[in-house]
Amino acid sequence: MTVIVLLVATLAFRLLGRFRSWRVSAAHGLAVMLVMTASAHFVPAGVTFMPNHADMVAMVPPFVPFPALVVYLTGVLELAGAVGLVLPRTRRAAGICLALLFVAMLPANVHAAMAGVTLAGEAATPLWQRVPEQILYIGVALWAASARFNSSSVQTIDHGRAAV
């Protein structure tokens, strides 16, 4: 699901003419995906139609202390990364930091797959699928980090103002 959100959002930004650069469109697409995934970190345990905080805590490997706090922290970092990706001045730092965050979160995804953790009642993504997805997210974050603010990533709109 997250890959679909990333791809659809990126394509929508690019094809609707919002940005003239695939990299900037991908940065914004990744930001949309991160807002979606970060939301699960804060959803109360009673919510069952999507992964919730309890599901996220179950993903944390046993060697990580304070798993509930770590889940909140990673949710905040994902949201901060999303904001950083859409701001031209912070896009590079955000992309690099998010790539590192995705690497740091891989053990949770491995643990979830190996331990049979369920997310919203569904089995966690199998490793054969999750590891390539994680590599994709790392690659997109680093690619987006290389997008610089310039005239090719700006489209002029009404009244002579520019939107990035």
N, C-alpha and C. Protein backbone atom coordinates (compact mmCIF):
# COMPACT_ATOMS: atom_id res chain seq x y z
N MET A 1 0.82 -1.20 0.00
CA MET A 1 0.00 0.00 0.00
C MET A 1 0.86 1.27 0.00
N THR A 2 1.94 1.26 0.80
CA THR A 2 2.76 2.47 0.90
C THR A 2 3.47 2.77 -0.42
N VAL A 3 3.89 1.72 -1.12
CA VAL A 3 4.54 1.95 -2.42
C VAL A 3 3.54 2.57 -3.39
N ILE A 4 2.31 2.11 -3.34
CA ILE A 4 1.28 2.66 -4.23
C ILE A 4 1.05 4.14 -3.91
N VAL A 5 0.97 4.47 -2.64
CA VAL A 5 0.79 5.88 -2.25
C VAL A 5 1.96 6.71 -2.76
N LEU A 6 3.17 6.22 -2.57
CA LEU A 6 4.36 6.94 -3.05
C LEU A 6 4.30 7.16 -4.56
N LEU A 7 4.02 6.11 -5.31
CA LEU A 7 3.99 6.21 -6.77
C LEU A 7 2.85 7.09 -7.28
N VAL A 8 1.65 6.90 -6.72
CA VAL A 8 0.50 7.70 -7.19
C VAL A 8 0.71 9.18 -6.86
N ALA A 9 1.17 9.47 -5.66
CA ALA A 9 1.39 10.87 -5.29
C ALA A 9 2.48 11.50 -6.17
N THR A 10 3.56 10.78 -6.39
CA THR A 10 4.64 11.30 -7.23
C THR A 10 4.14 11.56 -8.65
N LEU A 11 3.45 10.59 -9.21
CA LEU A 11 2.91 10.76 -10.56
C LEU A 11 1.90 11.90 -10.63
N ALA A 12 1.06 12.01 -9.62
CA ALA A 12 0.07 13.08 -9.61
C ALA A 12 0.75 14.45 -9.60
N PHE A 13 1.74 14.62 -8.73
CA PHE A 13 2.44 15.90 -8.67
C PHE A 13 3.10 16.21 -10.02
N ARG A 14 3.70 15.21 -10.64
CA ARG A 14 4.43 15.43 -11.89
C ARG A 14 3.49 15.63 -13.07
N LEU A 15 2.50 14.76 -13.20
CA LEU A 15 1.62 14.81 -14.36
C LEU A 15 0.63 15.97 -14.32
N LEU A 16 0.31 16.42 -13.14
CA LEU A 16 -0.59 17.57 -13.03
C LEU A 16 0.17 18.88 -13.24
N GLY A 17 1.46 18.78 -13.49
CA GLY A 17 2.25 19.96 -13.78
C GLY A 17 2.62 20.77 -12.56
N ARG A 18 2.48 20.19 -11.39
CA ARG A 18 2.79 20.92 -10.16
C ARG A 18 4.28 21.24 -10.08
N PHE A 19 5.12 20.31 -10.50
CA PHE A 19 6.57 20.51 -10.49
C PHE A 19 7.15 20.10 -11.83
N ARG A 20 8.21 20.74 -12.22
CA ARG A 20 8.84 20.42 -13.50
C ARG A 20 9.94 19.38 -13.34
N SER A 21 10.19 18.94 -12.14
CA SER A 21 11.25 17.99 -11.87
C SER A 21 10.67 16.72 -11.25
N TRP A 22 11.10 15.57 -11.76
CA TRP A 22 10.69 14.30 -11.17
C TRP A 22 11.21 14.19 -9.75
N ARG A 23 12.41 14.70 -9.48
CA ARG A 23 12.97 14.61 -8.13
C ARG A 23 12.15 15.38 -7.11
N VAL A 24 11.73 16.57 -7.47
CA VAL A 24 10.92 17.37 -6.55
C VAL A 24 9.55 16.71 -6.39
N SER A 25 9.00 16.19 -7.47
CA SER A 25 7.72 15.46 -7.37
C SER A 25 7.87 14.25 -6.47
N ALA A 26 8.98 13.53 -6.59
CA ALA A 26 9.22 12.37 -5.74
C ALA A 26 9.39 12.77 -4.28
N ALA A 27 10.05 13.90 -4.04
CA ALA A 27 10.19 14.39 -2.66
C ALA A 27 8.82 14.64 -2.05
N HIS A 28 7.93 15.26 -2.80
CA HIS A 28 6.58 15.52 -2.31
C HIS A 28 5.77 14.23 -2.20
N GLY A 29 5.95 13.32 -3.14
CA GLY A 29 5.28 12.02 -3.06
C GLY A 29 5.70 11.24 -1.83
N LEU A 30 7.00 11.26 -1.53
CA LEU A 30 7.50 10.59 -0.33
C LEU A 30 6.94 11.27 0.92
N ALA A 31 6.80 12.58 0.89
CA ALA A 31 6.22 13.30 2.03
C ALA A 31 4.77 12.86 2.26
N VAL A 32 3.99 12.70 1.20
CA VAL A 32 2.61 12.24 1.34
C VAL A 32 2.60 10.85 1.97
N MET A 33 3.47 9.96 1.48
CA MET A 33 3.55 8.61 2.02
C MET A 33 3.92 8.63 3.51
N LEU A 34 4.86 9.49 3.87
CA LEU A 34 5.31 9.56 5.25
C LEU A 34 4.21 10.07 6.19
N VAL A 35 3.41 11.02 5.73
CA VAL A 35 2.30 11.48 6.57
C VAL A 35 1.33 10.32 6.82
N MET A 36 1.10 9.51 5.80
CA MET A 36 0.21 8.36 5.96
C MET A 36 0.82 7.35 6.93
N THR A 37 2.08 6.98 6.73
CA THR A 37 2.68 5.96 7.58
C THR A 37 2.89 6.47 9.00
N ALA A 38 3.24 7.73 9.16
CA ALA A 38 3.46 8.29 10.50
C ALA A 38 2.17 8.30 11.30
N SER A 39 1.05 8.46 10.64
CA SER A 39 -0.22 8.53 11.37
C SER A 39 -0.46 7.26 12.19
N ALA A 40 -0.03 6.11 11.70
CA ALA A 40 -0.23 4.86 12.42
C ALA A 40 0.48 4.86 13.77
N HIS A 41 1.53 5.63 13.90
CA HIS A 41 2.29 5.67 15.14
C HIS A 41 1.50 6.30 16.28
N PHE A 42 0.44 7.02 15.95
CA PHE A 42 -0.32 7.77 16.95
C PHE A 42 -1.78 7.31 17.09
N VAL A 43 -2.19 6.34 16.29
CA VAL A 43 -3.57 5.87 16.30
C VAL A 43 -3.81 5.00 17.55
N PRO A 44 -4.88 5.25 18.30
CA PRO A 44 -5.17 4.46 19.50
C PRO A 44 -5.39 2.98 19.17
N ALA A 45 -5.11 2.13 20.15
CA ALA A 45 -5.19 0.68 19.96
C ALA A 45 -6.58 0.20 19.55
N GLY A 46 -7.64 0.92 19.91
CA GLY A 46 -8.99 0.50 19.57
C GLY A 46 -9.33 0.61 18.09
N VAL A 47 -8.54 1.35 17.34
CA VAL A 47 -8.79 1.52 15.91
C VAL A 47 -8.26 0.27 15.20
N THR A 48 -9.11 -0.34 14.38
CA THR A 48 -8.72 -1.61 13.74
C THR A 48 -8.71 -1.57 12.21
N PHE A 49 -9.12 -0.46 11.61
CA PHE A 49 -9.16 -0.42 10.15
C PHE A 49 -7.81 -0.08 9.53
N MET A 50 -6.85 0.29 10.39
CA MET A 50 -5.50 0.59 9.92
C MET A 50 -4.54 0.21 11.04
N PRO A 51 -3.25 0.06 10.73
CA PRO A 51 -2.29 -0.20 11.81
C PRO A 51 -2.36 0.91 12.87
N ASN A 52 -2.17 0.50 14.11
CA ASN A 52 -2.26 1.47 15.20
C ASN A 52 -0.99 1.44 16.05
N HIS A 53 -0.98 2.26 17.09
CA HIS A 53 0.21 2.37 17.94
C HIS A 53 0.62 1.01 18.52
N ALA A 54 -0.34 0.23 18.97
CA ALA A 54 -0.04 -1.09 19.54
C ALA A 54 0.61 -2.00 18.49
N ASP A 55 0.12 -1.94 17.26
CA ASP A 55 0.72 -2.73 16.17
C ASP A 55 2.18 -2.31 15.96
N MET A 56 2.40 -1.00 15.97
CA MET A 56 3.76 -0.49 15.77
C MET A 56 4.69 -0.93 16.90
N VAL A 57 4.18 -0.90 18.14
CA VAL A 57 4.99 -1.33 19.28
C VAL A 57 5.35 -2.81 19.14
N ALA A 58 4.42 -3.62 18.66
CA ALA A 58 4.69 -5.05 18.47
C ALA A 58 5.80 -5.29 17.44
N MET A 59 5.99 -4.35 16.53
CA MET A 59 7.03 -4.49 15.51
C MET A 59 8.43 -4.26 16.06
N VAL A 60 8.55 -3.53 17.14
CA VAL A 60 9.85 -3.15 17.68
C VAL A 60 10.56 -4.40 18.20
N PRO A 61 11.79 -4.64 17.76
CA PRO A 61 12.52 -5.82 18.24
C PRO A 61 12.73 -5.76 19.75
N PRO A 62 12.79 -6.92 20.40
CA PRO A 62 12.91 -6.97 21.85
C PRO A 62 14.16 -6.28 22.42
N PHE A 63 15.21 -6.16 21.63
CA PHE A 63 16.43 -5.54 22.14
C PHE A 63 16.35 -4.01 22.23
N VAL A 64 15.29 -3.42 21.69
CA VAL A 64 15.13 -1.96 21.72
C VAL A 64 14.39 -1.57 22.99
N PRO A 65 15.01 -0.72 23.83
CA PRO A 65 14.32 -0.30 25.06
C PRO A 65 13.22 0.72 24.78
N PHE A 66 12.25 0.76 25.66
CA PHE A 66 11.14 1.73 25.60
C PHE A 66 10.45 1.73 24.23
N PRO A 67 9.92 0.58 23.81
CA PRO A 67 9.35 0.49 22.46
C PRO A 67 8.22 1.48 22.17
N ALA A 68 7.36 1.75 23.16
CA ALA A 68 6.26 2.70 22.91
C ALA A 68 6.80 4.09 22.63
N LEU A 69 7.81 4.49 23.39
CA LEU A 69 8.44 5.79 23.16
C LEU A 69 9.13 5.84 21.80
N VAL A 70 9.79 4.75 21.43
CA VAL A 70 10.47 4.68 20.13
C VAL A 70 9.47 4.82 18.99
N VAL A 71 8.30 4.22 19.16
CA VAL A 71 7.26 4.33 18.12
C VAL A 71 6.81 5.78 17.98
N TYR A 72 6.57 6.46 19.09
CA TYR A 72 6.20 7.87 19.01
C TYR A 72 7.32 8.69 18.37
N LEU A 73 8.55 8.42 18.78
CA LEU A 73 9.69 9.16 18.25
C LEU A 73 9.83 8.97 16.75
N THR A 74 9.73 7.74 16.28
CA THR A 74 9.86 7.52 14.84
C THR A 74 8.70 8.15 14.07
N GLY A 75 7.52 8.18 14.66
CA GLY A 75 6.40 8.87 14.02
C GLY A 75 6.67 10.36 13.88
N VAL A 76 7.19 10.96 14.94
CA VAL A 76 7.54 12.39 14.89
C VAL A 76 8.63 12.62 13.85
N LEU A 77 9.63 11.74 13.81
CA LEU A 77 10.71 11.89 12.83
C LEU A 77 10.19 11.75 11.40
N GLU A 78 9.25 10.85 11.17
CA GLU A 78 8.66 10.72 9.83
C GLU A 78 7.92 12.00 9.45
N LEU A 79 7.16 12.55 10.38
CA LEU A 79 6.44 13.80 10.09
C LEU A 79 7.41 14.96 9.85
N ALA A 80 8.45 15.04 10.66
CA ALA A 80 9.46 16.09 10.46
C ALA A 80 10.15 15.92 9.12
N GLY A 81 10.43 14.68 8.76
CA GLY A 81 11.04 14.41 7.46
C GLY A 81 10.13 14.81 6.31
N ALA A 82 8.83 14.56 6.45
CA ALA A 82 7.86 14.96 5.42
C ALA A 82 7.88 16.46 5.23
N VAL A 83 7.86 17.20 6.33
CA VAL A 83 7.91 18.66 6.25
C VAL A 83 9.23 19.09 5.60
N GLY A 84 10.32 18.48 6.03
CA GLY A 84 11.63 18.82 5.48
C GLY A 84 11.73 18.57 3.98
N LEU A 85 11.06 17.54 3.49
CA LEU A 85 11.11 17.24 2.06
C LEU A 85 10.41 18.29 1.20
N VAL A 86 9.36 18.90 1.73
CA VAL A 86 8.62 19.86 0.92
C VAL A 86 9.20 21.27 0.98
N LEU A 87 10.10 21.50 1.90
CA LEU A 87 10.77 22.81 1.99
C LEU A 87 12.10 22.74 1.26
N PRO A 88 12.27 23.55 0.22
CA PRO A 88 13.49 23.46 -0.57
C PRO A 88 14.79 23.58 0.24
N ARG A 89 14.79 24.45 1.22
CA ARG A 89 16.03 24.67 1.99
C ARG A 89 16.39 23.48 2.87
N THR A 90 15.43 22.67 3.24
CA THR A 90 15.71 21.54 4.13
C THR A 90 15.61 20.19 3.43
N ARG A 91 15.29 20.19 2.15
CA ARG A 91 15.07 18.94 1.41
C ARG A 91 16.29 18.03 1.44
N ARG A 92 17.46 18.58 1.25
CA ARG A 92 18.67 17.75 1.23
C ARG A 92 18.89 17.07 2.58
N ALA A 93 18.86 17.84 3.64
CA ALA A 93 19.06 17.27 4.98
C ALA A 93 17.97 16.26 5.32
N ALA A 94 16.73 16.59 4.97
CA ALA A 94 15.61 15.69 5.26
C ALA A 94 15.77 14.37 4.52
N GLY A 95 16.14 14.43 3.25
CA GLY A 95 16.32 13.20 2.48
C GLY A 95 17.40 12.31 3.06
N ILE A 96 18.51 12.91 3.45
CA ILE A 96 19.61 12.13 4.05
C ILE A 96 19.18 11.55 5.39
N CYS A 97 18.56 12.37 6.23
CA CYS A 97 18.10 11.88 7.54
C CYS A 97 17.04 10.80 7.39
N LEU A 98 16.15 10.94 6.44
CA LEU A 98 15.13 9.91 6.23
C LEU A 98 15.75 8.61 5.73
N ALA A 99 16.74 8.70 4.88
CA ALA A 99 17.43 7.47 4.43
C ALA A 99 18.02 6.75 5.63
N LEU A 100 18.63 7.49 6.53
CA LEU A 100 19.19 6.89 7.75
C LEU A 100 18.08 6.32 8.63
N LEU A 101 16.97 7.02 8.73
CA LEU A 101 15.83 6.53 9.52
C LEU A 101 15.29 5.23 8.92
N PHE A 102 15.18 5.16 7.60
CA PHE A 102 14.69 3.94 6.96
C PHE A 102 15.63 2.77 7.23
N VAL A 103 16.93 3.02 7.24
CA VAL A 103 17.90 1.97 7.58
C VAL A 103 17.69 1.55 9.04
N ALA A 104 17.53 2.51 9.92
CA ALA A 104 17.36 2.22 11.35
C ALA A 104 16.06 1.46 11.63
N MET A 105 15.04 1.68 10.82
CA MET A 105 13.76 1.03 11.04
C MET A 105 13.67 -0.36 10.39
N LEU A 106 14.63 -0.72 9.57
CA LEU A 106 14.59 -2.02 8.91
C LEU A 106 14.53 -3.19 9.90
N PRO A 107 15.28 -3.16 11.01
CA PRO A 107 15.15 -4.28 11.96
C PRO A 107 13.72 -4.48 12.48
N ALA A 108 12.97 -3.42 12.62
CA ALA A 108 11.57 -3.55 13.06
C ALA A 108 10.76 -4.29 12.01
N ASN A 109 11.00 -3.99 10.76
CA ASN A 109 10.28 -4.68 9.69
C ASN A 109 10.70 -6.14 9.59
N VAL A 110 11.97 -6.41 9.79
CA VAL A 110 12.46 -7.80 9.79
C VAL A 110 11.83 -8.55 10.96
N HIS A 111 11.85 -7.94 12.13
CA HIS A 111 11.26 -8.58 13.32
C HIS A 111 9.77 -8.84 13.09
N ALA A 112 9.05 -7.88 12.54
CA ALA A 112 7.61 -8.05 12.31
C ALA A 112 7.34 -9.23 11.39
N ALA A 113 8.13 -9.35 10.33
CA ALA A 113 7.93 -10.44 9.38
C ALA A 113 8.30 -11.79 10.01
N MET A 114 9.39 -11.82 10.74
CA MET A 114 9.87 -13.08 11.31
C MET A 114 9.03 -13.54 12.52
N ALA A 115 8.50 -12.60 13.28
CA ALA A 115 7.73 -12.93 14.49
C ALA A 115 6.24 -13.08 14.22
N GLY A 116 5.82 -12.87 12.99
CA GLY A 116 4.40 -13.02 12.65
C GLY A 116 3.52 -11.93 13.23
N VAL A 117 4.08 -10.73 13.36
CA VAL A 117 3.32 -9.59 13.88
C VAL A 117 2.20 -9.25 12.89
N THR A 118 1.04 -8.92 13.42
CA THR A 118 -0.06 -8.49 12.55
C THR A 118 -0.24 -6.98 12.66
N LEU A 119 -0.63 -6.38 11.58
CA LEU A 119 -0.89 -4.95 11.50
C LEU A 119 -2.32 -4.78 11.02
N ALA A 120 -3.17 -4.26 11.88
CA ALA A 120 -4.60 -4.13 11.60
C ALA A 120 -5.21 -5.48 11.23
N GLY A 121 -4.75 -6.52 11.92
CA GLY A 121 -5.27 -7.86 11.69
C GLY A 121 -4.68 -8.59 10.50
N GLU A 122 -3.83 -7.93 9.73
CA GLU A 122 -3.20 -8.54 8.56
C GLU A 122 -1.74 -8.87 8.88
N ALA A 123 -1.23 -9.90 8.25
CA ALA A 123 0.17 -10.27 8.44
C ALA A 123 1.07 -9.13 7.96
N ALA A 124 2.19 -8.96 8.66
CA ALA A 124 3.18 -7.95 8.24
C ALA A 124 3.68 -8.31 6.85
N THR A 125 4.16 -7.31 6.14
CA THR A 125 4.70 -7.51 4.80
C THR A 125 5.84 -8.52 4.86
N PRO A 126 5.83 -9.53 3.99
CA PRO A 126 6.90 -10.53 4.01
C PRO A 126 8.25 -9.90 3.62
N LEU A 127 9.31 -10.50 4.12
CA LEU A 127 10.65 -9.94 3.89
C LEU A 127 11.00 -9.81 2.41
N TRP A 128 10.61 -10.79 1.60
CA TRP A 128 10.96 -10.75 0.18
C TRP A 128 10.39 -9.50 -0.49
N GLN A 129 9.32 -8.94 0.08
CA GLN A 129 8.72 -7.71 -0.44
C GLN A 129 9.21 -6.49 0.32
N ARG A 130 9.34 -6.61 1.64
CA ARG A 130 9.64 -5.46 2.48
C ARG A 130 11.05 -4.92 2.28
N VAL A 131 12.02 -5.80 2.15
CA VAL A 131 13.40 -5.32 1.99
C VAL A 131 13.56 -4.51 0.70
N PRO A 132 13.07 -5.00 -0.44
CA PRO A 132 13.14 -4.14 -1.64
C PRO A 132 12.37 -2.82 -1.49
N GLU A 133 11.22 -2.85 -0.79
CA GLU A 133 10.49 -1.61 -0.55
C GLU A 133 11.34 -0.63 0.25
N GLN A 134 11.99 -1.14 1.29
CA GLN A 134 12.81 -0.29 2.14
C GLN A 134 13.96 0.30 1.33
N ILE A 135 14.55 -0.51 0.46
CA ILE A 135 15.63 -0.02 -0.42
C ILE A 135 15.08 1.07 -1.34
N LEU A 136 13.87 0.88 -1.86
CA LEU A 136 13.23 1.90 -2.70
C LEU A 136 13.06 3.20 -1.93
N TYR A 137 12.57 3.14 -0.69
CA TYR A 137 12.38 4.35 0.11
C TYR A 137 13.70 5.06 0.38
N ILE A 138 14.72 4.29 0.66
CA ILE A 138 16.05 4.87 0.88
C ILE A 138 16.53 5.56 -0.39
N GLY A 139 16.36 4.88 -1.52
CA GLY A 139 16.78 5.46 -2.80
C GLY A 139 16.02 6.73 -3.15
N VAL A 140 14.71 6.73 -2.94
CA VAL A 140 13.91 7.91 -3.25
C VAL A 140 14.30 9.06 -2.32
N ALA A 141 14.52 8.76 -1.04
CA ALA A 141 14.93 9.81 -0.10
C ALA A 141 16.26 10.43 -0.52
N LEU A 142 17.21 9.60 -0.92
CA LEU A 142 18.52 10.13 -1.34
C LEU A 142 18.41 10.86 -2.68
N TRP A 143 17.59 10.35 -3.57
CA TRP A 143 17.39 11.02 -4.86
C TRP A 143 16.73 12.37 -4.64
N ALA A 144 15.72 12.40 -3.78
CA ALA A 144 15.05 13.67 -3.46
C ALA A 144 16.03 14.64 -2.80
N ALA A 145 16.94 14.12 -2.01
CA ALA A 145 17.93 14.96 -1.32
C ALA A 145 18.82 15.68 -2.31
N SER A 146 18.98 15.10 -3.48
CA SER A 146 19.84 15.73 -4.48
C SER A 146 19.11 16.78 -5.31
N ALA A 147 17.79 16.91 -5.10
CA ALA A 147 17.01 17.93 -5.82
C ALA A 147 17.29 19.29 -5.19
N ARG A 148 17.76 20.19 -5.98
CA ARG A 148 18.08 21.53 -5.48
C ARG A 148 16.99 22.51 -5.91
N PHE A 149 16.84 23.54 -5.13
CA PHE A 149 15.89 24.59 -5.48
C PHE A 149 16.48 25.38 -6.63
N ASN A 150 15.80 25.37 -7.75
CA ASN A 150 16.21 26.18 -8.90
C ASN A 150 15.00 26.42 -9.79
N SER A 151 15.21 27.11 -10.84
CA SER A 151 14.08 27.48 -11.70
C SER A 151 13.39 26.28 -12.33
N SER A 152 14.09 25.13 -12.45
CA SER A 152 13.45 23.97 -13.06
C SER A 152 12.50 23.28 -12.10
N SER A 153 12.56 23.60 -10.79
CA SER A 153 11.65 22.98 -9.84
C SER A 153 10.55 23.92 -9.39
N VAL A 154 10.45 25.06 -10.05
CA VAL A 154 9.44 26.05 -9.69
C VAL A 154 8.52 26.30 -10.87
N GLN A 155 7.26 26.39 -10.60
CA GLN A 155 6.32 26.73 -11.65
C GLN A 155 5.60 28.00 -11.24
N THR A 156 5.56 28.97 -12.13
CA THR A 156 4.90 30.23 -11.82
C THR A 156 3.40 30.05 -11.88
N ILE A 157 2.71 30.65 -10.89
CA ILE A 157 1.26 30.60 -10.87
C ILE A 157 0.71 32.01 -10.82
N ASP A 158 -0.54 32.17 -10.52
CA ASP A 158 -1.21 33.48 -10.54
C ASP A 158 -0.41 34.58 -9.86
N HIS A 159 -0.57 35.77 -10.33
CA HIS A 159 -0.04 36.98 -9.73
C HIS A 159 1.48 37.00 -9.65
N GLY A 160 2.14 36.21 -10.47
CA GLY A 160 3.60 36.25 -10.49
C GLY A 160 4.27 35.56 -9.32
N ARG A 161 3.49 34.93 -8.44
CA ARG A 161 4.09 34.20 -7.32
C ARG A 161 4.53 32.83 -7.79
N ALA A 162 5.52 32.29 -7.12
CA ALA A 162 6.01 30.97 -7.50
C ALA A 162 5.65 29.97 -6.42
N ALA A 163 5.34 28.77 -6.85
CA ALA A 163 5.08 27.66 -5.93
C ALA A 163 6.16 26.63 -6.10
N VAL A 164 6.66 26.14 -5.00
CA VAL A 164 7.69 25.10 -5.06
C VAL A 164 7.11 23.79 -4.65
